[in-house]
Amino acid sequence: PESDMSMNLMVVASDILSILRDKKEYVLVDKVLKEFINKDIRRNPDMFFNAVTYLFSLGIITEQNYKMRIINGDT
């Protein structure tokens, strides 16, 4: 009851997906990180990279040359 669910890994990961959902091409990781952090002052780069690792391990996102995108746009 004391935890803030908006800081949960899966919620944070879904925010990253919402950032990537509108973009059809690869996006520079730094741009996504900046937009992610600007959404909530409590967020930090560690949360971002933990969520990105989670999404990558599930096969939802892919990376190429410091850029990332959703593998299937229907996610």
N, C-alpha and C. Protein backbone atom coordinates (compact mmCIF):
# COMPACT_ATOMS: atom_id res chain seq x y z
N PRO A 1 0.80 -1.22 0.00
CA PRO A 1 0.00 0.00 0.00
C PRO A 1 0.84 1.28 0.00
N GLU A 2 2.08 1.19 0.47
CA GLU A 2 2.91 2.40 0.52
C GLU A 2 3.67 2.65 -0.77
N SER A 3 3.69 1.69 -1.67
CA SER A 3 4.47 1.86 -2.89
C SER A 3 3.69 2.67 -3.93
N ASP A 4 4.44 3.35 -4.77
CA ASP A 4 3.87 4.15 -5.85
C ASP A 4 3.94 3.32 -7.13
N MET A 5 2.80 2.88 -7.61
CA MET A 5 2.77 2.00 -8.77
C MET A 5 3.25 2.68 -10.05
N SER A 6 3.26 4.00 -10.09
CA SER A 6 3.73 4.69 -11.30
C SER A 6 5.24 4.52 -11.48
N MET A 7 5.93 4.06 -10.45
CA MET A 7 7.37 3.84 -10.54
C MET A 7 7.70 2.36 -10.76
N ASN A 8 6.70 1.53 -10.92
CA ASN A 8 6.86 0.11 -11.17
C ASN A 8 7.53 -0.11 -12.52
N LEU A 9 8.37 -1.14 -12.60
CA LEU A 9 9.11 -1.43 -13.83
C LEU A 9 8.19 -1.60 -15.04
N MET A 10 7.10 -2.31 -14.89
CA MET A 10 6.20 -2.54 -16.02
C MET A 10 5.48 -1.27 -16.44
N VAL A 11 5.14 -0.42 -15.51
CA VAL A 11 4.50 0.85 -15.84
C VAL A 11 5.49 1.76 -16.55
N VAL A 12 6.70 1.81 -16.05
CA VAL A 12 7.75 2.61 -16.68
C VAL A 12 8.04 2.10 -18.09
N ALA A 13 8.08 0.78 -18.25
CA ALA A 13 8.32 0.19 -19.57
C ALA A 13 7.19 0.54 -20.54
N SER A 14 5.96 0.57 -20.05
CA SER A 14 4.84 0.93 -20.93
C SER A 14 4.93 2.39 -21.35
N ASP A 15 5.48 3.24 -20.50
CA ASP A 15 5.70 4.64 -20.89
C ASP A 15 6.73 4.75 -22.00
N ILE A 16 7.75 3.94 -21.94
CA ILE A 16 8.75 3.92 -23.01
C ILE A 16 8.11 3.45 -24.31
N LEU A 17 7.27 2.44 -24.23
CA LEU A 17 6.58 1.96 -25.43
C LEU A 17 5.67 3.04 -26.01
N SER A 18 5.04 3.82 -25.16
CA SER A 18 4.17 4.88 -25.67
C SER A 18 4.99 5.96 -26.37
N ILE A 19 6.21 6.19 -25.92
CA ILE A 19 7.10 7.15 -26.60
C ILE A 19 7.48 6.60 -27.96
N LEU A 20 7.79 5.31 -28.04
CA LEU A 20 8.25 4.70 -29.29
C LEU A 20 7.12 4.37 -30.25
N ARG A 21 5.91 4.24 -29.76
CA ARG A 21 4.79 3.76 -30.57
C ARG A 21 4.52 4.65 -31.79
N ASP A 22 4.66 5.95 -31.65
CA ASP A 22 4.36 6.88 -32.74
C ASP A 22 5.48 6.95 -33.77
N LYS A 23 6.63 6.42 -33.44
CA LYS A 23 7.78 6.53 -34.33
C LYS A 23 7.97 5.20 -35.07
N LYS A 24 8.03 5.27 -36.37
CA LYS A 24 8.14 4.06 -37.20
C LYS A 24 9.60 3.65 -37.41
N GLU A 25 10.52 4.59 -37.29
CA GLU A 25 11.93 4.31 -37.53
C GLU A 25 12.68 4.22 -36.21
N TYR A 26 13.94 3.86 -36.28
CA TYR A 26 14.78 3.82 -35.09
C TYR A 26 14.93 5.22 -34.52
N VAL A 27 14.94 5.32 -33.19
CA VAL A 27 15.06 6.59 -32.49
C VAL A 27 16.30 6.53 -31.61
N LEU A 28 17.05 7.60 -31.58
CA LEU A 28 18.24 7.68 -30.75
C LEU A 28 17.86 7.47 -29.28
N VAL A 29 18.58 6.58 -28.61
CA VAL A 29 18.28 6.24 -27.21
C VAL A 29 18.29 7.48 -26.33
N ASP A 30 19.21 8.41 -26.57
CA ASP A 30 19.28 9.63 -25.76
C ASP A 30 18.01 10.47 -25.86
N LYS A 31 17.39 10.51 -27.04
CA LYS A 31 16.15 11.28 -27.20
C LYS A 31 15.01 10.64 -26.41
N VAL A 32 14.93 9.32 -26.46
CA VAL A 32 13.89 8.61 -25.71
C VAL A 32 14.13 8.79 -24.21
N LEU A 33 15.38 8.70 -23.78
CA LEU A 33 15.73 8.89 -22.37
C LEU A 33 15.33 10.28 -21.90
N LYS A 34 15.63 11.29 -22.67
CA LYS A 34 15.29 12.66 -22.30
C LYS A 34 13.78 12.84 -22.16
N GLU A 35 13.02 12.34 -23.12
CA GLU A 35 11.56 12.44 -23.06
C GLU A 35 11.01 11.65 -21.87
N PHE A 36 11.59 10.50 -21.60
CA PHE A 36 11.18 9.67 -20.47
C PHE A 36 11.39 10.39 -19.14
N ILE A 37 12.54 10.97 -18.96
CA ILE A 37 12.86 11.66 -17.70
C ILE A 37 12.01 12.92 -17.54
N ASN A 38 11.72 13.60 -18.62
CA ASN A 38 10.92 14.83 -18.54
C ASN A 38 9.47 14.59 -18.13
N LYS A 39 8.99 13.36 -18.25
CA LYS A 39 7.61 13.05 -17.87
C LYS A 39 7.39 13.07 -16.36
N ASP A 40 8.44 12.81 -15.58
CA ASP A 40 8.31 12.73 -14.11
C ASP A 40 9.67 13.00 -13.50
N ILE A 41 9.74 13.94 -12.58
CA ILE A 41 11.04 14.32 -12.00
C ILE A 41 11.64 13.21 -11.12
N ARG A 42 10.83 12.24 -10.73
CA ARG A 42 11.33 11.14 -9.90
C ARG A 42 12.05 10.08 -10.72
N ARG A 43 11.96 10.16 -12.02
CA ARG A 43 12.59 9.16 -12.89
C ARG A 43 14.08 9.46 -13.03
N ASN A 44 14.83 8.39 -13.29
CA ASN A 44 16.27 8.55 -13.48
C ASN A 44 16.75 7.59 -14.58
N PRO A 45 17.98 7.77 -15.04
CA PRO A 45 18.49 6.90 -16.11
C PRO A 45 18.51 5.42 -15.75
N ASP A 46 18.74 5.09 -14.47
CA ASP A 46 18.75 3.68 -14.07
C ASP A 46 17.39 3.03 -14.32
N MET A 47 16.33 3.73 -13.99
CA MET A 47 14.98 3.21 -14.23
C MET A 47 14.77 2.99 -15.72
N PHE A 48 15.22 3.94 -16.52
CA PHE A 48 15.07 3.85 -17.97
C PHE A 48 15.77 2.61 -18.51
N PHE A 49 17.04 2.44 -18.14
CA PHE A 49 17.80 1.32 -18.70
C PHE A 49 17.33 -0.02 -18.16
N ASN A 50 16.83 -0.07 -16.94
CA ASN A 50 16.23 -1.30 -16.43
C ASN A 50 14.99 -1.66 -17.24
N ALA A 51 14.18 -0.67 -17.56
CA ALA A 51 12.97 -0.91 -18.35
C ALA A 51 13.32 -1.30 -19.79
N VAL A 52 14.33 -0.67 -20.35
CA VAL A 52 14.76 -1.00 -21.71
C VAL A 52 15.29 -2.44 -21.75
N THR A 53 16.06 -2.81 -20.75
CA THR A 53 16.56 -4.19 -20.66
C THR A 53 15.40 -5.18 -20.57
N TYR A 54 14.42 -4.84 -19.79
CA TYR A 54 13.22 -5.68 -19.64
C TYR A 54 12.51 -5.84 -20.99
N LEU A 55 12.29 -4.73 -21.69
CA LEU A 55 11.61 -4.78 -22.99
C LEU A 55 12.43 -5.55 -24.02
N PHE A 56 13.74 -5.35 -23.99
CA PHE A 56 14.61 -6.06 -24.94
C PHE A 56 14.61 -7.56 -24.66
N SER A 57 14.64 -7.93 -23.40
CA SER A 57 14.66 -9.35 -23.06
C SER A 57 13.35 -10.05 -23.42
N LEU A 58 12.25 -9.30 -23.46
CA LEU A 58 10.97 -9.85 -23.88
C LEU A 58 10.80 -9.86 -25.40
N GLY A 59 11.74 -9.26 -26.11
CA GLY A 59 11.67 -9.22 -27.56
C GLY A 59 10.70 -8.19 -28.10
N ILE A 60 10.44 -7.15 -27.33
CA ILE A 60 9.48 -6.11 -27.75
C ILE A 60 10.18 -4.98 -28.49
N ILE A 61 11.42 -4.69 -28.10
CA ILE A 61 12.18 -3.64 -28.78
C ILE A 61 13.47 -4.23 -29.32
N THR A 62 14.05 -3.51 -30.26
CA THR A 62 15.34 -3.87 -30.83
C THR A 62 16.21 -2.63 -30.87
N GLU A 63 17.51 -2.84 -31.00
CA GLU A 63 18.43 -1.71 -31.06
C GLU A 63 19.38 -1.87 -32.24
N GLN A 64 19.86 -0.72 -32.70
CA GLN A 64 20.82 -0.71 -33.80
C GLN A 64 21.55 0.63 -33.77
N ASN A 65 22.85 0.59 -33.59
CA ASN A 65 23.67 1.81 -33.61
C ASN A 65 23.17 2.88 -32.64
N TYR A 66 22.98 2.53 -31.39
CA TYR A 66 22.53 3.45 -30.34
C TYR A 66 21.12 3.99 -30.58
N LYS A 67 20.36 3.29 -31.40
CA LYS A 67 18.97 3.66 -31.66
C LYS A 67 18.09 2.47 -31.34
N MET A 68 16.82 2.73 -31.05
CA MET A 68 15.91 1.64 -30.73
C MET A 68 14.55 1.89 -31.33
N ARG A 69 13.78 0.81 -31.45
CA ARG A 69 12.41 0.91 -31.95
C ARG A 69 11.65 -0.33 -31.50
N ILE A 70 10.32 -0.25 -31.60
CA ILE A 70 9.48 -1.40 -31.30
C ILE A 70 9.60 -2.38 -32.47
N ILE A 71 9.73 -3.65 -32.17
CA ILE A 71 9.87 -4.66 -33.23
C ILE A 71 8.59 -4.77 -34.05
N ASN A 72 7.46 -4.85 -33.35
CA ASN A 72 6.16 -4.95 -34.04
C ASN A 72 5.35 -3.73 -33.65
N GLY A 73 4.95 -2.92 -34.62
CA GLY A 73 4.21 -1.70 -34.34
C GLY A 73 2.85 -1.91 -33.70
N ASP A 74 2.38 -3.16 -33.64
CA ASP A 74 1.07 -3.45 -33.04
C ASP A 74 1.14 -3.61 -31.53
N THR A 75 2.34 -3.53 -30.94
CA THR A 75 2.49 -3.75 -29.49
C THR A 75 1.83 -2.66 -28.70
